[in-house]
Amino acid sequence: MQQFASLMEIMEILSDREFMSDLREGIRQADLGQTVSLEVMKLEFNFQYCDGRLFKNMVIIWEGKKLMQ
């Protein structure tokens, strides 16, 4: 059942024309070397790196205290 659900999710993603167009453009840009470093993402676009993942406009609250935004 899990494989069917995964397949349906893939089909939904692949049928999204706007997403697929953006994905193709991103791949084209990467092939041309038009990339942005992780440091630029963090500094210029306000992304945070936490637990192996990249987040935008992230707020971390721990024990009721705001740690980072």
N, C-alpha and C. Protein backbone atom coordinates (compact mmCIF):
# COMPACT_ATOMS: atom_id res chain seq x y z
N MET A 1 0.82 -1.20 0.00
CA MET A 1 0.00 0.00 0.00
C MET A 1 0.87 1.26 0.00
N GLN A 2 1.98 1.22 0.75
CA GLN A 2 2.89 2.38 0.81
C GLN A 2 3.46 2.68 -0.57
N GLN A 3 3.80 1.64 -1.33
CA GLN A 3 4.36 1.86 -2.66
C GLN A 3 3.35 2.54 -3.58
N PHE A 4 2.09 2.16 -3.45
CA PHE A 4 1.03 2.78 -4.26
C PHE A 4 0.89 4.25 -3.90
N ALA A 5 0.89 4.56 -2.62
CA ALA A 5 0.77 5.95 -2.17
C ALA A 5 1.96 6.76 -2.67
N SER A 6 3.15 6.19 -2.62
CA SER A 6 4.34 6.88 -3.11
C SER A 6 4.25 7.13 -4.61
N LEU A 7 3.77 6.15 -5.34
CA LEU A 7 3.61 6.29 -6.78
C LEU A 7 2.59 7.39 -7.10
N MET A 8 1.51 7.43 -6.36
CA MET A 8 0.49 8.46 -6.58
C MET A 8 1.06 9.86 -6.30
N GLU A 9 1.87 9.96 -5.27
CA GLU A 9 2.50 11.24 -4.95
C GLU A 9 3.44 11.68 -6.07
N ILE A 10 4.23 10.76 -6.59
CA ILE A 10 5.13 11.06 -7.71
C ILE A 10 4.34 11.52 -8.92
N MET A 11 3.24 10.82 -9.22
CA MET A 11 2.40 11.19 -10.36
C MET A 11 1.82 12.60 -10.18
N GLU A 12 1.43 12.93 -8.96
CA GLU A 12 0.88 14.26 -8.69
C GLU A 12 1.94 15.34 -8.93
N ILE A 13 3.14 15.07 -8.47
CA ILE A 13 4.25 16.03 -8.65
C ILE A 13 4.56 16.20 -10.13
N LEU A 14 4.67 15.08 -10.84
CA LEU A 14 5.03 15.14 -12.25
C LEU A 14 3.95 15.76 -13.11
N SER A 15 2.71 15.76 -12.66
CA SER A 15 1.61 16.35 -13.44
C SER A 15 1.47 17.85 -13.19
N ASP A 16 2.23 18.39 -12.26
CA ASP A 16 2.20 19.84 -11.97
C ASP A 16 3.08 20.55 -12.99
N ARG A 17 2.45 21.13 -14.00
CA ARG A 17 3.20 21.74 -15.11
C ARG A 17 4.12 22.88 -14.66
N GLU A 18 3.63 23.72 -13.76
CA GLU A 18 4.44 24.84 -13.29
C GLU A 18 5.68 24.34 -12.53
N PHE A 19 5.48 23.35 -11.66
CA PHE A 19 6.61 22.78 -10.92
C PHE A 19 7.63 22.17 -11.88
N MET A 20 7.14 21.39 -12.84
CA MET A 20 8.06 20.73 -13.77
C MET A 20 8.83 21.75 -14.61
N SER A 21 8.16 22.84 -14.99
CA SER A 21 8.85 23.90 -15.74
C SER A 21 9.94 24.54 -14.87
N ASP A 22 9.60 24.82 -13.61
CA ASP A 22 10.59 25.38 -12.69
C ASP A 22 11.75 24.41 -12.45
N LEU A 23 11.43 23.13 -12.33
CA LEU A 23 12.47 22.12 -12.13
C LEU A 23 13.41 22.05 -13.33
N ARG A 24 12.84 22.03 -14.54
CA ARG A 24 13.69 22.01 -15.74
C ARG A 24 14.58 23.25 -15.81
N GLU A 25 14.03 24.41 -15.46
CA GLU A 25 14.82 25.65 -15.46
C GLU A 25 15.93 25.58 -14.43
N GLY A 26 15.64 25.04 -13.25
CA GLY A 26 16.65 24.89 -12.22
C GLY A 26 17.77 23.96 -12.65
N ILE A 27 17.41 22.87 -13.29
CA ILE A 27 18.41 21.92 -13.79
C ILE A 27 19.27 22.58 -14.87
N ARG A 28 18.62 23.35 -15.76
CA ARG A 28 19.36 24.06 -16.81
C ARG A 28 20.36 25.04 -16.19
N GLN A 29 19.90 25.79 -15.18
CA GLN A 29 20.78 26.75 -14.53
C GLN A 29 21.95 26.05 -13.83
N ALA A 30 21.68 24.93 -13.19
CA ALA A 30 22.75 24.18 -12.52
C ALA A 30 23.75 23.67 -13.54
N ASP A 31 23.26 23.19 -14.68
CA ASP A 31 24.16 22.71 -15.74
C ASP A 31 25.06 23.83 -16.26
N LEU A 32 24.54 25.06 -16.24
CA LEU A 32 25.33 26.22 -16.70
C LEU A 32 26.20 26.80 -15.61
N GLY A 33 26.13 26.22 -14.42
CA GLY A 33 26.94 26.70 -13.31
C GLY A 33 26.34 27.90 -12.60
N GLN A 34 25.09 28.19 -12.86
CA GLN A 34 24.41 29.32 -12.23
C GLN A 34 23.82 28.87 -10.90
N THR A 35 24.68 28.70 -9.92
CA THR A 35 24.26 28.20 -8.62
C THR A 35 24.55 29.23 -7.53
N VAL A 36 23.99 29.00 -6.38
CA VAL A 36 24.18 29.86 -5.22
C VAL A 36 24.72 29.00 -4.09
N SER A 37 25.75 29.47 -3.42
CA SER A 37 26.33 28.69 -2.32
C SER A 37 25.40 28.68 -1.12
N LEU A 38 25.62 27.72 -0.23
CA LEU A 38 24.84 27.63 0.99
C LEU A 38 25.01 28.90 1.82
N GLU A 39 26.22 29.45 1.85
CA GLU A 39 26.47 30.68 2.61
C GLU A 39 25.63 31.84 2.08
N VAL A 40 25.54 31.96 0.76
CA VAL A 40 24.72 33.01 0.16
C VAL A 40 23.25 32.79 0.50
N MET A 41 22.80 31.54 0.43
CA MET A 41 21.41 31.23 0.78
C MET A 41 21.11 31.66 2.21
N LYS A 42 22.03 31.35 3.10
CA LYS A 42 21.81 31.68 4.51
C LYS A 42 21.82 33.19 4.74
N LEU A 43 22.76 33.88 4.12
CA LEU A 43 22.92 35.31 4.38
C LEU A 43 21.94 36.18 3.60
N GLU A 44 21.88 35.99 2.30
CA GLU A 44 21.09 36.89 1.47
C GLU A 44 19.61 36.55 1.43
N PHE A 45 19.27 35.28 1.60
CA PHE A 45 17.88 34.87 1.48
C PHE A 45 17.26 34.47 2.81
N ASN A 46 17.97 34.72 3.91
CA ASN A 46 17.48 34.45 5.27
C ASN A 46 17.10 32.99 5.47
N PHE A 47 17.94 32.08 5.00
CA PHE A 47 17.73 30.65 5.24
C PHE A 47 18.56 30.23 6.44
N GLN A 48 18.07 29.27 7.18
CA GLN A 48 18.78 28.70 8.32
C GLN A 48 19.01 27.22 8.05
N TYR A 49 20.14 26.72 8.50
CA TYR A 49 20.48 25.31 8.35
C TYR A 49 20.37 24.66 9.72
N CYS A 50 19.52 23.66 9.83
CA CYS A 50 19.30 23.02 11.13
C CYS A 50 19.03 21.54 10.93
N ASP A 51 19.73 20.71 11.66
CA ASP A 51 19.49 19.27 11.65
C ASP A 51 19.53 18.69 10.24
N GLY A 52 20.48 19.15 9.43
CA GLY A 52 20.65 18.62 8.09
C GLY A 52 19.66 19.13 7.07
N ARG A 53 18.84 20.13 7.44
CA ARG A 53 17.83 20.66 6.51
C ARG A 53 17.94 22.17 6.44
N LEU A 54 17.47 22.72 5.34
CA LEU A 54 17.49 24.16 5.11
C LEU A 54 16.08 24.70 5.29
N PHE A 55 15.94 25.76 6.10
CA PHE A 55 14.64 26.35 6.38
C PHE A 55 14.69 27.84 6.08
N LYS A 56 13.54 28.39 5.72
CA LYS A 56 13.42 29.84 5.51
C LYS A 56 12.53 30.42 6.60
N ASN A 57 12.98 31.56 7.16
CA ASN A 57 12.23 32.26 8.21
C ASN A 57 11.88 31.33 9.38
N MET A 58 12.86 30.60 9.84
CA MET A 58 12.66 29.61 10.88
C MET A 58 12.73 30.26 12.25
N VAL A 59 11.87 29.83 13.13
CA VAL A 59 11.92 30.24 14.52
C VAL A 59 12.06 28.97 15.35
N ILE A 60 13.08 28.93 16.19
CA ILE A 60 13.27 27.78 17.07
C ILE A 60 12.94 28.21 18.48
N ILE A 61 12.03 27.49 19.11
CA ILE A 61 11.67 27.78 20.49
C ILE A 61 11.99 26.53 21.31
N TRP A 62 12.76 26.74 22.38
CA TRP A 62 13.14 25.64 23.23
C TRP A 62 12.93 26.06 24.67
N GLU A 63 12.20 25.27 25.38
CA GLU A 63 11.86 25.56 26.77
C GLU A 63 11.31 26.98 26.91
N GLY A 64 10.46 27.35 25.98
CA GLY A 64 9.78 28.64 26.05
C GLY A 64 10.62 29.83 25.65
N LYS A 65 11.86 29.62 25.21
CA LYS A 65 12.74 30.72 24.83
C LYS A 65 13.01 30.68 23.32
N LYS A 66 12.92 31.83 22.70
CA LYS A 66 13.20 31.93 21.27
C LYS A 66 14.72 31.89 21.08
N LEU A 67 15.22 30.92 20.37
CA LEU A 67 16.66 30.75 20.19
C LEU A 67 17.19 31.41 18.94
N MET A 68 16.43 31.32 17.86
CA MET A 68 16.93 31.89 16.60
C MET A 68 15.76 32.12 15.67
N GLN A 69 15.94 33.10 14.82
CA GLN A 69 14.94 33.38 13.78
C GLN A 69 15.63 33.59 12.48
